[in-house]
Amino acid sequence: MLVIRADLVEAMVAHARADHPDEACGILAGPEGADRPERFVPMVNAARSPTFYEFDSDEHLRLWRELDAADEEPVVIYHSHTATEAYPSRTDVSFASEPNAHYVLISTRDPQVHDLRSYRILDGVVTEEPVEIVAAYPA
């Protein structure tokens, strides 16, 4: 199960809406081993495509070094689907390389309502998981 603060959900959805009709992408970073997203990090979709996302390679390398230095990890890797449901494509599955990450997809195909879903993707196997949105994490 992904437990996530409402402000982080709002930030991801706002990013997805702002980049529409192109796919938006980014991560939510958190303390290593805590499985708790804390920090919103929007990234540039280097593909600038409505059907595909790709982290900019320089930005990706810089961010992963920053995470290592801060003892953080990518707890959530998110991107949007602009014309389809919030389910990982074959390409999404093939690029899923963080075994501990929650892969969040946000569908922006309906301009009034978004669909946000979370998955674990390990060795090509996609498993949907429940999402609990909270105002704050328990102490």
N, C-alpha and C. Protein backbone atom coordinates (compact mmCIF):
# COMPACT_ATOMS: atom_id res chain seq x y z
N MET A 1 0.84 -1.19 0.00
CA MET A 1 0.00 0.00 0.00
C MET A 1 0.88 1.24 0.00
N LEU A 2 0.47 2.21 -0.80
CA LEU A 2 1.14 3.50 -0.81
C LEU A 2 0.35 4.45 0.08
N VAL A 3 1.01 4.96 1.11
CA VAL A 3 0.43 6.00 1.96
C VAL A 3 1.13 7.29 1.56
N ILE A 4 0.34 8.30 1.19
CA ILE A 4 0.91 9.51 0.63
C ILE A 4 0.12 10.73 1.10
N ARG A 5 0.86 11.80 1.37
CA ARG A 5 0.22 13.05 1.80
C ARG A 5 -0.57 13.69 0.65
N ALA A 6 -1.67 14.32 0.99
CA ALA A 6 -2.53 14.98 0.01
C ALA A 6 -1.80 16.07 -0.75
N ASP A 7 -0.91 16.82 -0.09
CA ASP A 7 -0.20 17.90 -0.78
C ASP A 7 0.71 17.35 -1.89
N LEU A 8 1.25 16.15 -1.69
CA LEU A 8 2.10 15.54 -2.72
C LEU A 8 1.25 15.06 -3.90
N VAL A 9 0.09 14.53 -3.61
CA VAL A 9 -0.84 14.14 -4.68
C VAL A 9 -1.23 15.37 -5.48
N GLU A 10 -1.59 16.44 -4.80
CA GLU A 10 -1.98 17.68 -5.48
C GLU A 10 -0.84 18.21 -6.36
N ALA A 11 0.39 18.12 -5.90
CA ALA A 11 1.54 18.60 -6.67
C ALA A 11 1.73 17.75 -7.93
N MET A 12 1.61 16.43 -7.81
CA MET A 12 1.76 15.56 -8.99
C MET A 12 0.66 15.84 -10.01
N VAL A 13 -0.57 15.96 -9.53
CA VAL A 13 -1.70 16.21 -10.44
C VAL A 13 -1.54 17.57 -11.11
N ALA A 14 -1.13 18.58 -10.37
CA ALA A 14 -0.93 19.91 -10.95
C ALA A 14 0.16 19.86 -12.02
N HIS A 15 1.23 19.13 -11.77
CA HIS A 15 2.31 18.98 -12.76
C HIS A 15 1.77 18.28 -14.01
N ALA A 16 1.00 17.21 -13.81
CA ALA A 16 0.44 16.48 -14.94
C ALA A 16 -0.48 17.37 -15.77
N ARG A 17 -1.30 18.17 -15.10
CA ARG A 17 -2.20 19.08 -15.82
C ARG A 17 -1.41 20.17 -16.56
N ALA A 18 -0.37 20.69 -15.91
CA ALA A 18 0.42 21.77 -16.52
C ALA A 18 1.15 21.30 -17.78
N ASP A 19 1.64 20.05 -17.78
CA ASP A 19 2.39 19.55 -18.93
C ASP A 19 1.50 18.96 -20.03
N HIS A 20 0.23 18.75 -19.73
CA HIS A 20 -0.70 18.21 -20.72
C HIS A 20 -0.74 19.13 -21.94
N PRO A 21 -0.65 18.67 -23.17
CA PRO A 21 -0.90 17.30 -23.61
C PRO A 21 0.32 16.38 -23.59
N ASP A 22 1.49 16.87 -23.20
CA ASP A 22 2.63 15.97 -23.06
C ASP A 22 2.57 15.26 -21.72
N GLU A 23 3.21 14.09 -21.64
CA GLU A 23 3.29 13.39 -20.37
C GLU A 23 4.21 14.15 -19.43
N ALA A 24 3.83 14.21 -18.17
CA ALA A 24 4.66 14.78 -17.11
C ALA A 24 5.34 13.64 -16.38
N CYS A 25 6.47 13.94 -15.72
CA CYS A 25 7.16 12.89 -14.98
C CYS A 25 7.96 13.50 -13.84
N GLY A 26 8.28 12.67 -12.87
CA GLY A 26 9.08 13.12 -11.73
C GLY A 26 9.13 12.04 -10.67
N ILE A 27 9.61 12.45 -9.51
CA ILE A 27 9.70 11.51 -8.39
C ILE A 27 9.24 12.19 -7.11
N LEU A 28 8.95 11.37 -6.12
CA LEU A 28 8.79 11.82 -4.75
C LEU A 28 9.88 11.13 -3.96
N ALA A 29 10.74 11.92 -3.37
CA ALA A 29 11.88 11.38 -2.62
C ALA A 29 11.50 11.23 -1.15
N GLY A 30 12.18 10.31 -0.49
CA GLY A 30 11.97 10.11 0.94
C GLY A 30 13.19 9.48 1.57
N PRO A 31 13.22 9.43 2.89
CA PRO A 31 14.36 8.84 3.59
C PRO A 31 14.57 7.38 3.18
N GLU A 32 15.82 6.99 3.04
CA GLU A 32 16.12 5.61 2.66
C GLU A 32 15.47 4.64 3.63
N GLY A 33 14.79 3.64 3.07
CA GLY A 33 14.19 2.58 3.85
C GLY A 33 12.88 2.93 4.55
N ALA A 34 12.44 4.16 4.46
CA ALA A 34 11.24 4.57 5.19
C ALA A 34 9.94 4.32 4.42
N ASP A 35 10.02 4.16 3.09
CA ASP A 35 8.85 3.96 2.24
C ASP A 35 7.80 5.05 2.47
N ARG A 36 8.31 6.29 2.65
CA ARG A 36 7.42 7.42 2.92
C ARG A 36 7.85 8.61 2.07
N PRO A 37 7.07 8.94 1.04
CA PRO A 37 7.45 10.09 0.20
C PRO A 37 7.33 11.39 0.98
N GLU A 38 8.34 12.25 0.83
CA GLU A 38 8.39 13.51 1.57
C GLU A 38 8.56 14.73 0.66
N ARG A 39 9.29 14.54 -0.44
CA ARG A 39 9.71 15.70 -1.24
C ARG A 39 9.33 15.51 -2.70
N PHE A 40 8.63 16.51 -3.24
CA PHE A 40 8.17 16.52 -4.63
C PHE A 40 9.29 17.03 -5.53
N VAL A 41 9.64 16.24 -6.57
CA VAL A 41 10.70 16.63 -7.50
C VAL A 41 10.18 16.45 -8.93
N PRO A 42 9.60 17.51 -9.50
CA PRO A 42 9.17 17.40 -10.90
C PRO A 42 10.39 17.35 -11.80
N MET A 43 10.29 16.61 -12.87
CA MET A 43 11.40 16.50 -13.81
C MET A 43 10.93 16.87 -15.21
N VAL A 44 11.88 17.11 -16.08
CA VAL A 44 11.59 17.44 -17.47
C VAL A 44 11.39 16.15 -18.25
N ASN A 45 10.32 16.10 -19.03
CA ASN A 45 10.13 14.98 -19.95
C ASN A 45 10.96 15.29 -21.19
N ALA A 46 12.13 14.69 -21.27
CA ALA A 46 13.06 14.96 -22.38
C ALA A 46 12.45 14.54 -23.72
N ALA A 47 11.51 13.61 -23.71
CA ALA A 47 10.87 13.17 -24.95
C ALA A 47 9.84 14.19 -25.43
N ARG A 48 9.35 15.02 -24.54
CA ARG A 48 8.32 16.01 -24.89
C ARG A 48 7.25 15.39 -25.78
N SER A 49 6.64 14.33 -25.25
CA SER A 49 5.72 13.52 -26.02
C SER A 49 4.40 13.31 -25.26
N PRO A 50 3.29 13.21 -25.99
CA PRO A 50 2.02 12.89 -25.34
C PRO A 50 1.84 11.39 -25.08
N THR A 51 2.78 10.57 -25.55
CA THR A 51 2.64 9.12 -25.39
C THR A 51 3.83 8.44 -24.75
N PHE A 52 4.82 9.21 -24.32
CA PHE A 52 6.05 8.61 -23.81
C PHE A 52 6.74 9.62 -22.89
N TYR A 53 7.38 9.12 -21.84
CA TYR A 53 8.18 10.01 -21.01
C TYR A 53 9.59 9.45 -20.87
N GLU A 54 10.52 10.36 -20.69
CA GLU A 54 11.92 9.99 -20.50
C GLU A 54 12.57 11.08 -19.65
N PHE A 55 13.17 10.68 -18.53
CA PHE A 55 13.90 11.65 -17.72
C PHE A 55 15.07 12.18 -18.53
N ASP A 56 15.33 13.47 -18.43
CA ASP A 56 16.54 14.04 -19.03
C ASP A 56 17.74 13.37 -18.36
N SER A 57 18.67 12.86 -19.14
CA SER A 57 19.77 12.05 -18.58
C SER A 57 20.65 12.85 -17.62
N ASP A 58 20.95 14.11 -17.93
CA ASP A 58 21.77 14.92 -17.02
C ASP A 58 21.02 15.20 -15.71
N GLU A 59 19.74 15.55 -15.83
CA GLU A 59 18.93 15.82 -14.65
C GLU A 59 18.79 14.55 -13.80
N HIS A 60 18.59 13.42 -14.45
CA HIS A 60 18.44 12.14 -13.77
C HIS A 60 19.71 11.81 -12.96
N LEU A 61 20.86 11.92 -13.58
CA LEU A 61 22.13 11.64 -12.90
C LEU A 61 22.35 12.59 -11.73
N ARG A 62 22.11 13.87 -11.95
CA ARG A 62 22.29 14.86 -10.89
C ARG A 62 21.36 14.57 -9.70
N LEU A 63 20.10 14.24 -9.99
CA LEU A 63 19.14 13.96 -8.94
C LEU A 63 19.52 12.71 -8.15
N TRP A 64 19.93 11.63 -8.84
CA TRP A 64 20.28 10.40 -8.12
C TRP A 64 21.51 10.63 -7.24
N ARG A 65 22.45 11.46 -7.68
CA ARG A 65 23.60 11.80 -6.83
C ARG A 65 23.15 12.61 -5.61
N GLU A 66 22.22 13.54 -5.82
CA GLU A 66 21.67 14.35 -4.74
C GLU A 66 20.95 13.46 -3.72
N LEU A 67 20.19 12.50 -4.21
CA LEU A 67 19.49 11.57 -3.32
C LEU A 67 20.49 10.77 -2.48
N ASP A 68 21.53 10.26 -3.13
CA ASP A 68 22.55 9.49 -2.40
C ASP A 68 23.20 10.33 -1.31
N ALA A 69 23.52 11.56 -1.64
CA ALA A 69 24.19 12.45 -0.67
C ALA A 69 23.29 12.78 0.52
N ALA A 70 21.98 12.79 0.29
CA ALA A 70 21.03 13.15 1.35
C ALA A 70 20.42 11.92 2.04
N ASP A 71 20.95 10.73 1.73
CA ASP A 71 20.38 9.49 2.26
C ASP A 71 18.89 9.38 1.97
N GLU A 72 18.54 9.73 0.73
CA GLU A 72 17.16 9.62 0.26
C GLU A 72 17.11 8.62 -0.88
N GLU A 73 15.88 8.24 -1.23
CA GLU A 73 15.67 7.36 -2.37
C GLU A 73 14.39 7.77 -3.08
N PRO A 74 14.21 7.32 -4.33
CA PRO A 74 12.97 7.61 -5.03
C PRO A 74 11.88 6.67 -4.51
N VAL A 75 11.00 7.18 -3.67
CA VAL A 75 9.93 6.37 -3.11
C VAL A 75 8.82 6.19 -4.14
N VAL A 76 8.53 7.27 -4.88
CA VAL A 76 7.52 7.24 -5.93
C VAL A 76 8.17 7.73 -7.21
N ILE A 77 7.92 7.02 -8.29
CA ILE A 77 8.26 7.50 -9.62
C ILE A 77 6.92 7.66 -10.33
N TYR A 78 6.63 8.90 -10.75
CA TYR A 78 5.32 9.14 -11.33
C TYR A 78 5.42 9.67 -12.75
N HIS A 79 4.35 9.44 -13.49
CA HIS A 79 4.18 10.09 -14.79
C HIS A 79 2.70 10.07 -15.15
N SER A 80 2.37 10.85 -16.15
CA SER A 80 0.98 10.94 -16.56
C SER A 80 0.75 10.22 -17.88
N HIS A 81 -0.49 9.81 -18.06
CA HIS A 81 -0.98 9.32 -19.34
C HIS A 81 -2.03 10.31 -19.79
N THR A 82 -1.85 10.85 -20.97
CA THR A 82 -2.70 11.96 -21.41
C THR A 82 -3.95 11.52 -22.16
N ALA A 83 -3.97 10.32 -22.69
CA ALA A 83 -5.11 9.88 -23.48
C ALA A 83 -5.59 8.47 -23.11
N THR A 84 -4.95 7.85 -22.14
CA THR A 84 -5.29 6.49 -21.76
C THR A 84 -5.47 6.39 -20.25
N GLU A 85 -5.89 5.23 -19.80
CA GLU A 85 -6.08 5.01 -18.37
C GLU A 85 -4.74 5.02 -17.63
N ALA A 86 -4.82 5.11 -16.33
CA ALA A 86 -3.63 5.13 -15.48
C ALA A 86 -3.16 3.70 -15.21
N TYR A 87 -2.64 3.06 -16.26
CA TYR A 87 -2.11 1.70 -16.18
C TYR A 87 -0.81 1.66 -16.95
N PRO A 88 0.22 1.00 -16.41
CA PRO A 88 1.53 0.99 -17.08
C PRO A 88 1.49 0.35 -18.47
N SER A 89 2.09 1.03 -19.41
CA SER A 89 2.23 0.49 -20.77
C SER A 89 3.38 -0.53 -20.77
N ARG A 90 3.51 -1.24 -21.86
CA ARG A 90 4.65 -2.17 -21.99
C ARG A 90 5.97 -1.43 -21.88
N THR A 91 6.03 -0.22 -22.43
CA THR A 91 7.25 0.59 -22.32
C THR A 91 7.51 0.97 -20.87
N ASP A 92 6.46 1.39 -20.16
CA ASP A 92 6.60 1.74 -18.74
C ASP A 92 7.18 0.56 -17.96
N VAL A 93 6.66 -0.61 -18.22
CA VAL A 93 7.12 -1.81 -17.51
C VAL A 93 8.58 -2.11 -17.85
N SER A 94 8.94 -1.96 -19.11
CA SER A 94 10.32 -2.27 -19.51
C SER A 94 11.32 -1.29 -18.91
N PHE A 95 10.89 -0.05 -18.63
CA PHE A 95 11.79 0.96 -18.06
C PHE A 95 11.78 1.00 -16.53
N ALA A 96 10.91 0.23 -15.90
CA ALA A 96 10.81 0.24 -14.43
C ALA A 96 12.05 -0.43 -13.84
N SER A 97 12.93 0.38 -13.27
CA SER A 97 14.23 -0.15 -12.81
C SER A 97 14.48 0.03 -11.32
N GLU A 98 13.53 0.58 -10.60
CA GLU A 98 13.69 0.78 -9.15
C GLU A 98 12.79 -0.22 -8.42
N PRO A 99 13.37 -1.33 -7.93
CA PRO A 99 12.54 -2.40 -7.37
C PRO A 99 11.74 -2.01 -6.13
N ASN A 100 12.17 -0.99 -5.41
CA ASN A 100 11.45 -0.60 -4.19
C ASN A 100 10.47 0.55 -4.40
N ALA A 101 10.44 1.10 -5.59
CA ALA A 101 9.62 2.28 -5.85
C ALA A 101 8.16 1.91 -6.08
N HIS A 102 7.30 2.87 -5.74
CA HIS A 102 5.89 2.83 -6.12
C HIS A 102 5.83 3.58 -7.45
N TYR A 103 5.21 2.99 -8.44
CA TYR A 103 5.05 3.64 -9.74
C TYR A 103 3.63 4.19 -9.82
N VAL A 104 3.52 5.51 -9.76
CA VAL A 104 2.23 6.17 -9.76
C VAL A 104 1.94 6.71 -11.16
N LEU A 105 0.76 6.41 -11.65
CA LEU A 105 0.30 6.94 -12.94
C LEU A 105 -0.92 7.80 -12.72
N ILE A 106 -0.95 8.91 -13.44
CA ILE A 106 -2.05 9.85 -13.35
C ILE A 106 -2.61 10.04 -14.75
N SER A 107 -3.86 9.69 -14.94
CA SER A 107 -4.48 9.91 -16.24
C SER A 107 -5.12 11.29 -16.25
N THR A 108 -4.78 12.05 -17.29
CA THR A 108 -5.35 13.39 -17.47
C THR A 108 -6.24 13.45 -18.71
N ARG A 109 -6.70 12.29 -19.18
CA ARG A 109 -7.50 12.27 -20.40
C ARG A 109 -8.83 12.98 -20.22
N ASP A 110 -9.36 13.00 -18.99
CA ASP A 110 -10.58 13.76 -18.70
C ASP A 110 -10.16 15.09 -18.09
N PRO A 111 -10.49 16.20 -18.72
CA PRO A 111 -10.03 17.50 -18.22
C PRO A 111 -10.64 17.89 -16.87
N GLN A 112 -11.70 17.22 -16.46
CA GLN A 112 -12.37 17.56 -15.19
C GLN A 112 -11.94 16.68 -14.02
N VAL A 113 -11.56 15.45 -14.31
CA VAL A 113 -11.28 14.46 -13.27
C VAL A 113 -9.97 13.75 -13.60
N HIS A 114 -9.14 13.54 -12.59
CA HIS A 114 -7.92 12.75 -12.82
C HIS A 114 -8.11 11.36 -12.21
N ASP A 115 -7.35 10.42 -12.70
CA ASP A 115 -7.34 9.06 -12.18
C ASP A 115 -5.91 8.79 -11.74
N LEU A 116 -5.70 8.51 -10.45
CA LEU A 116 -4.37 8.25 -9.91
C LEU A 116 -4.36 6.83 -9.36
N ARG A 117 -3.38 6.04 -9.83
CA ARG A 117 -3.24 4.65 -9.38
C ARG A 117 -1.76 4.36 -9.14
N SER A 118 -1.49 3.40 -8.26
CA SER A 118 -0.12 3.05 -7.91
C SER A 118 0.13 1.57 -8.15
N TYR A 119 1.37 1.29 -8.56
CA TYR A 119 1.77 -0.08 -8.89
C TYR A 119 3.16 -0.37 -8.34
N ARG A 120 3.40 -1.64 -8.11
CA ARG A 120 4.76 -2.14 -7.93
C ARG A 120 5.07 -2.87 -9.23
N ILE A 121 6.26 -2.64 -9.75
CA ILE A 121 6.68 -3.30 -10.98
C ILE A 121 8.02 -3.96 -10.71
N LEU A 122 8.03 -5.27 -10.73
CA LEU A 122 9.24 -6.02 -10.42
C LEU A 122 9.39 -7.17 -11.40
N ASP A 123 10.53 -7.20 -12.08
CA ASP A 123 10.81 -8.26 -13.07
C ASP A 123 9.69 -8.38 -14.10
N GLY A 124 9.16 -7.25 -14.53
CA GLY A 124 8.14 -7.25 -15.56
C GLY A 124 6.73 -7.55 -15.09
N VAL A 125 6.57 -7.80 -13.79
CA VAL A 125 5.25 -8.11 -13.23
C VAL A 125 4.67 -6.85 -12.61
N VAL A 126 3.45 -6.49 -13.03
CA VAL A 126 2.76 -5.30 -12.56
C VAL A 126 1.73 -5.71 -11.52
N THR A 127 1.82 -5.10 -10.33
CA THR A 127 0.86 -5.37 -9.27
C THR A 127 0.29 -4.05 -8.78
N GLU A 128 -1.01 -3.88 -8.96
CA GLU A 128 -1.64 -2.65 -8.46
C GLU A 128 -1.74 -2.72 -6.95
N GLU A 129 -1.59 -1.56 -6.31
CA GLU A 129 -1.67 -1.50 -4.86
C GLU A 129 -2.64 -0.40 -4.44
N PRO A 130 -3.24 -0.53 -3.26
CA PRO A 130 -4.12 0.52 -2.78
C PRO A 130 -3.33 1.80 -2.48
N VAL A 131 -4.00 2.94 -2.58
CA VAL A 131 -3.42 4.24 -2.25
C VAL A 131 -4.24 4.85 -1.13
N GLU A 132 -3.58 5.23 -0.05
CA GLU A 132 -4.24 5.93 1.04
C GLU A 132 -3.67 7.35 1.08
N ILE A 133 -4.55 8.33 0.88
CA ILE A 133 -4.14 9.73 0.91
C ILE A 133 -4.45 10.28 2.29
N VAL A 134 -3.42 10.86 2.93
CA VAL A 134 -3.55 11.36 4.29
C VAL A 134 -3.16 12.83 4.34
N ALA A 135 -3.67 13.54 5.34
CA ALA A 135 -3.30 14.95 5.51
C ALA A 135 -1.87 15.06 6.01
N ALA A 136 -1.46 14.14 6.89
CA ALA A 136 -0.10 14.12 7.45
C ALA A 136 0.23 12.67 7.81
N TYR A 137 1.52 12.39 7.86
CA TYR A 137 1.94 11.05 8.26
C TYR A 137 1.89 10.96 9.78
N PRO A 138 1.57 9.76 10.30
CA PRO A 138 1.60 9.59 11.75
C PRO A 138 3.01 9.83 12.30
N ALA A 139 3.08 10.34 13.50
CA ALA A 139 4.39 10.64 14.12
C ALA A 139 5.16 9.40 14.42
